[in-house]
Protein backbone atom coordinates (compact mmCIF):
# COMPACT_ATOMS: atom_id res chain seq x y z
CA MET A 1 29.89 -9.20 -0.71
CA THR A 2 31.31 -6.54 1.56
CA PRO A 3 29.12 -3.65 2.79
CA SER A 4 31.03 -1.35 0.43
CA ALA A 5 30.46 -3.66 -2.52
CA ARG A 6 26.73 -3.73 -1.75
CA ILE A 7 26.71 0.07 -1.81
CA SER A 8 28.45 0.11 -5.19
CA ALA A 9 25.85 -2.31 -6.50
CA SER A 10 22.96 -0.23 -5.20
CA ILE A 11 24.39 2.87 -6.89
CA GLU A 12 24.46 0.89 -10.16
CA VAL A 13 20.81 -0.04 -9.67
CA LEU A 14 19.79 3.54 -8.89
CA ALA A 15 21.61 4.82 -11.97
CA ASP A 16 19.81 2.22 -14.10
CA ILE A 17 16.42 3.27 -12.68
CA GLU A 18 17.16 6.93 -13.37
CA THR A 19 18.62 6.45 -16.84
CA ARG A 20 16.06 4.02 -18.18
CA HIS A 21 13.03 5.33 -16.24
CA ARG A 22 12.05 1.86 -15.13
CA PRO A 23 10.54 0.30 -11.99
CA ALA A 24 13.00 -0.53 -9.24
CA ALA A 25 11.94 -4.19 -9.18
CA ASP A 26 12.91 -4.59 -12.84
CA ALA A 27 16.32 -2.95 -12.33
CA LEU A 28 17.03 -5.12 -9.28
CA LYS A 29 16.00 -8.29 -11.12
CA ASP A 30 18.28 -7.48 -14.05
CA TRP A 31 21.17 -6.73 -11.70
CA GLY A 32 20.70 -10.08 -9.98
CA LEU A 33 20.61 -11.96 -13.29
CA SER A 34 23.86 -10.37 -14.41
CA HIS A 35 25.57 -10.88 -11.02
CA ARG A 36 24.68 -14.46 -10.15
CA PHE A 37 27.51 -14.70 -7.64
CA ALA A 38 25.52 -12.49 -5.26
CA GLY A 39 23.73 -14.51 -2.60
CA SER A 40 20.18 -13.96 -1.44
CA GLY A 41 21.39 -11.97 1.56
CA ASP A 42 23.41 -9.69 -0.69
CA ARG A 43 20.46 -9.15 -3.03
CA ALA A 44 18.17 -8.35 -0.10
CA ALA A 45 20.66 -5.84 1.29
CA ILE A 46 21.16 -4.17 -2.12
CA ALA A 47 17.41 -3.92 -2.60
CA GLY A 48 17.06 -2.42 0.88
CA LEU A 49 19.67 0.22 0.11
CA ALA A 50 18.10 1.08 -3.25
CA TYR A 51 14.57 1.33 -1.88
CA ASP A 52 15.70 3.43 1.08
CA ALA A 53 17.51 5.76 -1.32
CA LEU A 54 14.34 6.14 -3.37
CA ARG A 55 12.42 6.91 -0.18
CA ARG A 56 14.76 9.82 0.53
CA LYS A 57 15.38 10.96 -3.04
CA ALA A 58 14.26 14.58 -2.59
CA SER A 59 15.78 15.18 0.84
CA ALA A 60 19.06 13.49 -0.12
CA ALA A 61 19.33 15.70 -3.22
CA PHE A 62 18.69 18.80 -1.09
CA LEU A 63 21.30 17.76 1.49
CA MET A 64 23.94 16.84 -1.07
CA GLN A 65 23.04 19.56 -3.60
CA ASP A 66 23.22 16.81 -6.20
CA ALA A 67 20.42 14.64 -7.60
CA GLY A 68 22.61 11.84 -8.99
CA ALA A 69 22.49 8.18 -7.96
CA ARG A 70 25.68 8.33 -5.89
CA ALA A 71 24.55 11.47 -4.04
CA ASN A 72 21.15 9.87 -3.47
CA LEU A 73 22.77 6.88 -1.79
CA ILE A 74 25.16 8.99 0.29
CA GLY A 75 22.41 11.32 1.45
CA MET A 76 20.19 8.37 2.36
CA LEU A 77 22.90 6.82 4.51
CA ARG A 78 23.04 10.06 6.47
CA LEU A 79 19.31 10.77 6.67
CA GLN A 80 17.71 7.31 6.72
CA ARG A 81 20.38 5.00 8.11
CA ASP A 82 21.75 7.73 10.45
CA LEU A 83 25.41 6.99 9.66
CA SER A 84 27.99 9.57 10.63
CA PRO A 85 30.16 11.23 7.97
CA GLU A 86 33.08 9.15 9.27
CA GLN A 87 31.11 5.90 8.91
CA ILE A 88 30.07 6.82 5.39
CA GLY A 89 33.64 7.74 4.50
CA ALA A 90 34.83 4.34 5.70
CA LEU A 91 32.42 2.66 3.26
CA PHE A 92 33.48 4.91 0.38
CA ASP A 93 37.19 4.11 0.62
CA GLY A 94 37.98 3.34 -3.02
CA SER A 95 39.14 -0.19 -2.30
CA ARG A 96 38.28 -3.10 -4.59
CA PHE A 97 34.52 -3.16 -5.32
CA ALA A 98 33.98 -0.12 -3.04
CA PRO A 99 32.76 3.28 -4.28
CA ALA A 100 35.33 5.99 -4.91
CA PRO A 101 36.34 8.08 -1.88
CA LEU A 102 34.13 11.00 -0.90
CA SER A 103 34.93 14.22 -2.73
CA GLU A 104 35.40 17.50 -0.90
CA PRO A 105 31.90 18.73 -1.87
CA GLU A 106 30.42 15.44 -0.63
CA GLN A 107 32.32 15.67 2.66
CA HIS A 108 31.19 19.28 3.07
CA ALA A 109 27.56 18.36 2.42
CA LEU A 110 27.70 15.58 4.99
CA THR A 111 29.31 17.71 7.69
CA GLN A 112 27.75 21.13 7.00
CA GLY A 113 24.58 20.45 5.04
CA SER A 114 21.12 20.25 6.59
CA LEU A 115 17.45 20.26 5.68
CA THR A 116 16.89 23.58 7.42
CA GLY A 117 14.71 25.78 5.22
CA ALA A 118 13.75 22.93 2.89
CA PRO A 119 10.23 23.17 1.40
CA PRO A 120 7.52 20.66 2.40
CA HIS A 121 7.96 18.45 -0.65
CA VAL A 122 11.64 17.97 0.25
CA LEU A 123 10.97 17.35 3.94
CA GLY A 124 8.20 14.94 2.99
CA ASP A 125 10.12 13.34 0.09
CA TYR A 126 7.39 13.54 -2.53
CA PRO A 127 7.18 15.08 -6.02
CA GLU A 128 6.84 18.86 -5.99
CA TRP A 129 3.79 18.83 -8.28
CA LEU A 130 1.85 16.93 -5.61
CA ASP A 131 2.43 19.55 -2.92
CA PRO A 132 -0.83 21.49 -3.45
CA HIS A 133 -2.76 18.22 -3.58
CA LEU A 134 -1.31 17.01 -0.28
CA ALA A 135 -1.82 20.47 1.21
CA ARG A 136 -5.56 20.10 0.52
CA THR A 137 -5.66 16.94 2.63
CA PHE A 138 -3.09 17.64 5.34
CA GLY A 139 -2.46 21.39 5.38
CA ASP A 140 0.61 22.34 7.40
CA THR A 141 1.30 18.72 8.41
CA ARG A 142 1.86 17.50 4.84
CA ALA A 143 5.63 17.28 5.26
CA GLU A 144 5.23 15.06 8.34
CA GLU A 145 2.66 12.89 6.56
CA GLY A 146 4.95 12.59 3.55
CA ALA A 147 7.91 11.68 5.77
CA ALA A 148 5.85 8.89 7.34
CA LEU A 149 4.97 7.63 3.87
CA ALA A 150 8.72 7.55 3.16
CA GLN A 151 9.47 5.09 5.95
CA ARG A 152 9.73 1.32 5.53
CA ALA A 153 6.51 -0.62 5.95
CA PRO A 154 6.11 -3.63 8.23
CA LEU A 155 4.79 -6.95 6.96
CA ASP A 156 1.21 -7.50 8.10
CA LEU A 157 -0.74 -10.74 8.05
CA ARG A 158 -4.49 -11.30 8.33
CA VAL A 159 -5.66 -14.37 10.21
CA ASN A 160 -8.30 -16.28 8.26
CA THR A 161 -11.07 -16.98 10.76
CA LEU A 162 -12.52 -19.65 8.47
CA VAL A 163 -9.54 -21.78 9.49
CA ALA A 164 -8.02 -20.42 12.73
CA ASP A 165 -8.12 -17.65 15.32
CA ARG A 166 -5.39 -15.09 16.00
CA GLU A 167 -4.00 -16.91 19.04
CA LYS A 168 -3.61 -20.18 17.14
CA ALA A 169 -1.99 -18.49 14.15
CA ALA A 170 0.34 -16.51 16.40
CA ALA A 171 1.48 -19.70 18.08
CA GLU A 172 2.22 -21.26 14.68
CA LEU A 173 4.34 -18.23 13.73
CA ALA A 174 6.03 -17.60 17.07
CA HIS A 175 9.47 -18.20 15.52
CA LEU A 176 9.01 -15.06 13.40
CA ALA A 177 8.78 -12.65 16.35
CA ILE A 178 5.34 -11.41 15.40
CA THR A 179 3.14 -9.02 17.37
CA PRO A 180 -0.61 -8.31 17.25
CA THR A 181 -1.65 -5.31 15.17
CA SER A 182 -3.05 -2.26 16.95
CA TRP A 183 -6.44 -1.93 15.25
CA SER A 184 -7.40 -5.04 13.34
CA PRO A 185 -8.47 -7.88 15.64
CA LEU A 186 -7.29 -10.26 12.91
CA GLY A 187 -3.82 -8.85 12.29
CA LEU A 188 -0.26 -9.97 13.05
CA ARG A 189 2.80 -7.85 12.29
CA LEU A 190 6.46 -8.52 11.47
CA THR A 191 9.03 -5.74 11.25
CA PRO A 192 12.13 -6.94 9.38
CA GLY A 193 15.34 -4.91 9.59
CA PRO A 194 16.47 -2.72 6.68
CA ASP A 195 18.90 -5.30 5.27
CA ALA A 196 17.00 -8.42 6.30
CA LYS A 197 15.52 -10.86 3.84
CA SER A 198 11.74 -10.91 3.91
CA PRO A 199 10.55 -14.08 5.61
CA ALA A 200 9.26 -16.74 3.24
CA ILE A 201 5.67 -16.41 4.43
CA GLN A 202 4.26 -18.36 1.49
CA SER A 203 6.34 -21.36 2.51
CA GLU A 204 5.09 -21.35 6.10
CA PRO A 205 2.80 -24.28 7.02
CA ALA A 206 0.32 -21.77 8.46
CA PHE A 207 0.08 -20.06 5.07
CA LEU A 208 -0.16 -23.30 3.12
CA ARG A 209 -3.03 -24.40 5.37
CA GLY A 210 -4.90 -21.16 4.74
CA MET A 211 -4.54 -19.77 8.25
CA ILE A 212 -3.01 -16.45 7.14
CA GLU A 213 -2.85 -14.06 4.21
CA VAL A 214 -0.48 -11.15 3.60
CA GLN A 215 -2.56 -7.97 3.95
CA ASP A 216 -1.69 -4.54 5.32
CA GLU A 217 -3.52 -3.69 8.53
CA GLY A 218 -5.12 -0.67 6.87
CA SER A 219 -6.58 -2.92 4.18
CA GLN A 220 -7.85 -5.28 6.87
CA VAL A 221 -9.54 -2.41 8.71
CA ALA A 222 -11.05 -1.08 5.48
CA ALA A 223 -12.65 -4.46 4.80
CA LEU A 224 -13.97 -4.69 8.36
CA LEU A 225 -15.50 -1.21 8.09
CA THR A 226 -17.69 -2.30 5.17
CA GLY A 227 -19.75 -4.28 7.69
CA ALA A 228 -20.20 -7.32 5.44
CA ALA A 229 -22.40 -9.77 7.35
CA PRO A 230 -23.36 -13.44 7.04
CA GLY A 231 -26.27 -14.04 4.70
CA GLU A 232 -25.72 -10.95 2.54
CA GLN A 233 -25.35 -10.71 -1.21
CA VAL A 234 -22.02 -8.93 -1.81
CA VAL A 235 -20.12 -7.84 -4.92
CA ASP A 236 -16.37 -7.24 -4.85
CA LEU A 237 -16.27 -5.05 -7.92
CA CYS A 238 -12.48 -4.59 -8.26
CA ALA A 239 -11.44 -7.93 -6.81
CA GLY A 240 -8.04 -8.27 -8.48
CA GLY A 241 -6.13 -11.11 -6.85
CA GLY A 242 -8.77 -11.49 -4.17
CA GLY A 243 -7.29 -9.96 -1.01
CA LYS A 244 -10.47 -8.23 0.09
CA THR A 245 -12.66 -11.01 -1.31
CA LEU A 246 -11.00 -13.40 1.13
CA ALA A 247 -11.45 -10.94 4.00
CA LEU A 248 -15.15 -10.55 3.17
CA ALA A 249 -15.64 -14.31 2.97
CA ALA A 250 -14.22 -14.70 6.47
CA MET A 251 -16.43 -11.86 7.78
CA MET A 252 -19.46 -13.62 6.32
CA ALA A 253 -18.41 -17.03 7.73
CA ASN A 254 -19.19 -18.71 4.40
CA HIS A 255 -22.88 -17.75 4.69
CA GLY A 256 -24.32 -15.67 1.86
CA GLN A 257 -22.84 -15.02 -1.56
CA ILE A 258 -19.89 -12.98 -2.80
CA TYR A 259 -19.52 -12.20 -6.50
CA ALA A 260 -15.90 -11.35 -7.29
CA THR A 261 -15.07 -9.64 -10.56
CA ASP A 262 -12.64 -7.22 -12.16
CA LEU A 263 -12.57 -5.42 -15.49
CA ASP A 264 -9.09 -6.87 -16.07
CA LYS A 265 -9.55 -10.63 -16.10
CA ARG A 266 -5.77 -11.14 -15.87
CA ARG A 267 -5.81 -9.71 -12.37
CA LEU A 268 -8.33 -12.37 -11.32
CA ALA A 269 -6.00 -15.25 -12.22
CA PRO A 270 -4.63 -15.88 -8.68
CA ILE A 271 -8.01 -15.74 -6.96
CA HIS A 272 -9.08 -19.32 -7.57
CA ALA A 273 -6.13 -20.96 -5.80
CA ARG A 274 -6.38 -18.45 -2.95
CA LEU A 275 -10.08 -19.17 -2.42
CA GLU A 276 -9.42 -22.91 -2.27
CA ARG A 277 -6.57 -22.53 0.21
CA ALA A 278 -8.65 -20.22 2.43
CA ASN A 279 -11.67 -22.57 2.47
CA ALA A 280 -13.83 -19.73 1.12
CA ARG A 281 -16.93 -21.46 -0.26
CA ASP A 282 -19.35 -18.55 -0.71
CA VAL A 283 -17.51 -16.86 -3.59
CA GLN A 284 -18.54 -16.93 -7.24
CA VAL A 285 -15.92 -15.49 -9.60
CA ARG A 286 -17.47 -13.62 -12.52
CA THR A 287 -14.74 -13.33 -15.17
CA PRO A 288 -15.49 -10.77 -17.92
CA ARG A 289 -15.59 -12.09 -21.48
CA GLY A 290 -14.24 -9.99 -24.32
CA GLY A 291 -13.33 -6.30 -24.27
CA ARG A 292 -15.40 -3.15 -23.96
CA GLY A 293 -18.91 -3.62 -25.25
CA ALA A 294 -19.00 -7.28 -24.17
CA PRO A 295 -21.90 -8.48 -21.98
CA ASP A 296 -21.75 -7.30 -18.38
CA PRO A 297 -20.98 -10.34 -16.17
CA LEU A 298 -23.03 -8.73 -13.38
CA ALA A 299 -26.08 -7.75 -15.44
CA ASP A 300 -28.34 -10.23 -13.63
CA LEU A 301 -27.44 -8.70 -10.24
CA ARG A 302 -28.64 -5.15 -10.85
CA GLY A 303 -30.74 -3.85 -7.98
CA ARG A 304 -30.25 -7.05 -5.94
CA ILE A 305 -27.05 -6.49 -3.94
CA ASP A 306 -26.77 -5.69 -0.21
CA LEU A 307 -23.17 -4.46 -0.39
CA VAL A 308 -20.86 -3.51 -3.23
CA VAL A 309 -17.22 -3.21 -2.19
CA ILE A 310 -15.03 -1.03 -4.41
CA ASP A 311 -11.27 -1.31 -3.92
CA ALA A 312 -10.92 1.49 -6.43
CA PRO A 313 -8.14 1.95 -8.97
CA CYS A 314 -6.07 4.91 -7.79
CA THR A 315 -2.68 6.61 -7.85
CA GLY A 316 -1.50 4.45 -4.94
CA THR A 317 -0.19 7.41 -2.95
CA GLY A 318 -1.13 5.58 0.25
CA THR A 319 1.22 2.69 -0.56
CA TRP A 320 4.42 4.68 -1.02
CA ARG A 321 6.04 2.90 1.94
CA ARG A 322 5.90 -0.34 -0.06
CA ASN A 323 6.48 1.18 -3.50
CA PRO A 324 8.88 4.10 -2.99
CA ASP A 325 9.83 4.31 -6.65
CA ALA A 326 6.18 4.62 -7.70
CA LYS A 327 5.84 8.11 -6.23
CA TRP A 328 8.56 9.43 -8.52
CA ARG A 329 6.89 7.89 -11.58
CA VAL A 330 3.32 9.10 -10.97
CA ARG A 331 2.28 11.99 -13.21
CA PRO A 332 -0.68 14.42 -13.23
CA GLY A 333 -2.16 12.54 -16.16
CA ALA A 334 -2.35 9.39 -14.05
CA LEU A 335 -4.44 11.21 -11.43
CA THR A 336 -6.85 12.41 -14.12
CA GLN A 337 -7.16 8.89 -15.53
CA ARG A 338 -7.72 7.26 -12.14
CA VAL A 339 -10.40 9.79 -11.18
CA ALA A 340 -12.26 8.98 -14.41
CA GLU A 341 -12.01 5.24 -13.69
CA GLN A 342 -13.35 5.80 -10.17
CA VAL A 343 -16.38 7.65 -11.55
CA GLU A 344 -17.09 4.73 -13.86
CA VAL A 345 -16.81 2.08 -11.17
CA LEU A 346 -18.91 4.05 -8.66
CA ASP A 347 -21.68 4.51 -11.21
CA ARG A 348 -21.52 0.82 -12.03
CA ALA A 349 -21.83 -0.02 -8.33
CA ALA A 350 -24.84 2.25 -7.88
CA ALA A 351 -26.81 0.21 -10.42
CA LEU A 352 -26.17 -3.01 -8.46
CA VAL A 353 -27.28 -1.84 -5.01
CA LYS A 354 -30.80 -2.69 -3.88
CA PRO A 355 -32.93 -0.20 -1.91
CA GLY A 356 -31.46 0.02 1.59
CA GLY A 357 -28.19 -1.50 0.38
CA ARG A 358 -24.79 0.15 0.51
CA ILE A 359 -21.47 0.77 -1.19
CA GLY A 360 -18.12 0.47 0.59
CA TYR A 361 -15.70 2.70 -1.31
CA ILE A 362 -12.03 2.09 -0.52
CA THR A 363 -8.99 3.65 -2.12
CA CYS A 364 -5.32 3.43 -1.16
CA SER A 365 -4.83 7.12 -1.90
CA VAL A 366 -4.44 10.15 0.36
CA LEU A 367 -5.46 12.65 -2.32
CA ALA A 368 -8.76 14.52 -1.91
CA GLU A 369 -9.55 14.11 -5.61
CA GLU A 370 -9.74 10.33 -5.15
CA GLY A 371 -11.52 10.43 -1.78
CA PRO A 372 -13.88 13.10 -0.47
CA ASP A 373 -14.12 14.95 -3.81
CA GLN A 374 -15.00 11.73 -5.61
CA ILE A 375 -17.73 10.86 -3.10
CA ALA A 376 -19.19 14.36 -3.12
CA ALA A 377 -19.48 14.18 -6.90
CA PHE A 378 -21.09 10.73 -6.67
CA LEU A 379 -23.71 11.99 -4.21
CA ASP A 380 -24.53 14.84 -6.58
CA ARG A 381 -25.08 12.36 -9.41
CA HIS A 382 -27.00 9.80 -7.32
CA ARG A 383 -29.43 11.58 -5.03
CA ALA A 384 -30.83 8.29 -3.70
CA PHE A 385 -27.56 7.69 -1.82
CA ARG A 386 -26.20 9.30 1.33
CA SER A 387 -22.95 8.83 3.19
CA GLU A 388 -23.08 7.30 6.66
CA PRO A 389 -20.63 6.79 9.54
CA ALA A 390 -18.45 3.70 9.48
CA PRO A 391 -19.30 1.01 12.08
CA ILE A 392 -16.01 1.45 13.95
CA GLU A 393 -17.12 -0.06 17.27
CA GLN A 394 -18.62 -3.11 15.59
CA ALA A 395 -15.53 -3.60 13.42
CA LEU A 396 -12.68 -2.90 15.85
CA GLY A 397 -14.09 -3.59 19.31
CA THR A 398 -11.88 -2.38 22.15
CA ALA A 399 -9.55 -0.55 19.74
CA ALA A 400 -12.39 1.63 18.39
CA ALA A 401 -12.01 4.62 20.72
CA ASP A 402 -8.27 4.96 20.07
CA PHE A 403 -8.82 4.48 16.35
CA ARG A 404 -11.36 7.32 16.29
CA THR A 405 -8.74 9.58 17.86
CA ALA A 406 -6.00 8.50 15.46
CA VAL A 407 -7.80 8.45 12.12
CA LEU A 408 -8.42 11.61 10.08
CA SER A 409 -12.12 12.35 9.66
CA LEU A 410 -12.90 13.92 6.28
CA ASP A 411 -16.10 14.78 4.46
CA HIS A 412 -17.90 11.52 3.67
CA GLY A 413 -15.22 9.22 5.07
CA LEU A 414 -12.14 8.32 7.10
CA LEU A 415 -8.48 8.48 6.12
CA MET A 416 -5.82 6.19 7.60
CA THR A 417 -2.17 7.16 7.15
CA PRO A 418 1.20 5.80 8.32
CA ARG A 419 1.68 8.86 10.56
CA ARG A 420 -1.73 8.60 12.20
CA THR A 421 -2.55 4.90 12.27
CA GLY A 422 0.71 3.12 11.39
CA THR A 423 -0.96 1.61 8.32
CA ASP A 424 -0.83 2.29 4.62
CA GLY A 425 -2.92 5.25 3.50
CA PHE A 426 -6.58 4.29 2.95
CA PHE A 427 -9.71 6.37 2.46
CA VAL A 428 -12.95 4.57 3.37
CA SER A 429 -16.48 5.81 2.69
CA LEU A 430 -19.84 4.09 3.22
CA LEU A 431 -22.77 5.07 1.02
CA ARG A 432 -26.33 3.85 1.60
CA ARG A 433 -29.18 3.82 -0.88
CA ALA A 434 -32.55 4.99 0.39
CA ALA A 435 -34.95 2.13 1.14
């Protein structure tokens, strides 16, 4: 497909997303199924265009004075891909499979339009209803933080120290042009281009041998900050597919016991194969049986656990780089629901922790309601707990001092963001029960 044909296809996908109010991944899959002539490189390029357009949906609409799919794509090419009006015009030439030529209003917007005077939610490319929420966390820098969340994310890998060290894994993956991550001593990073196909990491021999896992550096750091140590009894309360379970197992060097569970047993399905591949032998998966009201699979662990890790359900505002369409689909009701779920899981964790034990609360959200507010409310309900500083030096070693400067310190925890730490957005809080 020609570059112009790829643009036409991406406009079709964007229109489908907007008309049918569906996730971008579903629209892209359907497009691929109905256009089987498109090669994998074409599909990757079309997806890149569509996701970049969704990243710049608000600012493109402001620039173009038009919120339609075509205007979204045109505005993105100017703002995100930094194409000149002449370059954009050459792509929109009306030839076979190309989009129709630029109209006079479109040409005027590209040559005379700007983001001067745009409000923060436009400059930061996030929904307007979230502006007061982001202002609570970031104040006058919320537009810059939002803009960083609108950029493409790199692909981060965590080296599994049960199988290899970072130097060995890096040597195995040298053909992928990887670099070490800035904060995590276990991380490797790839930065594909905007139209490039994602590398087939799961087909790499290093992955198949359990040497690496795909995990954002922020998630790696969050796990390290829990301070899980060999010999401890640990519960991963919202284990899902097992990403943090695997990180904890490596931290504990297969000494001790991890109990991995999740209220949604379907999310646990991938964990078994991942544990086997990673050589993680200290993990017991507790799969819930039945619906609400069924026996608690962790009932026998109450008051016995050294560390409960909560990768809490949340709005996912910290992962917008990876899920740019999700930010346009999130609604106030979702925030209310997630906050209620966080209360439930925190209270459940409190019952498991033994005297002197701790909770590591992690959420991939940048909203105060899901971070500091949630922890403050927990401490009011559970007076036996107190918040304590994260063990940054122990977790990050020589990178600790720079990390302290970069990260945002909030009441009862730390907040990583793409703008500050180059990671996804993660809030991390440590809570210790009195001995």
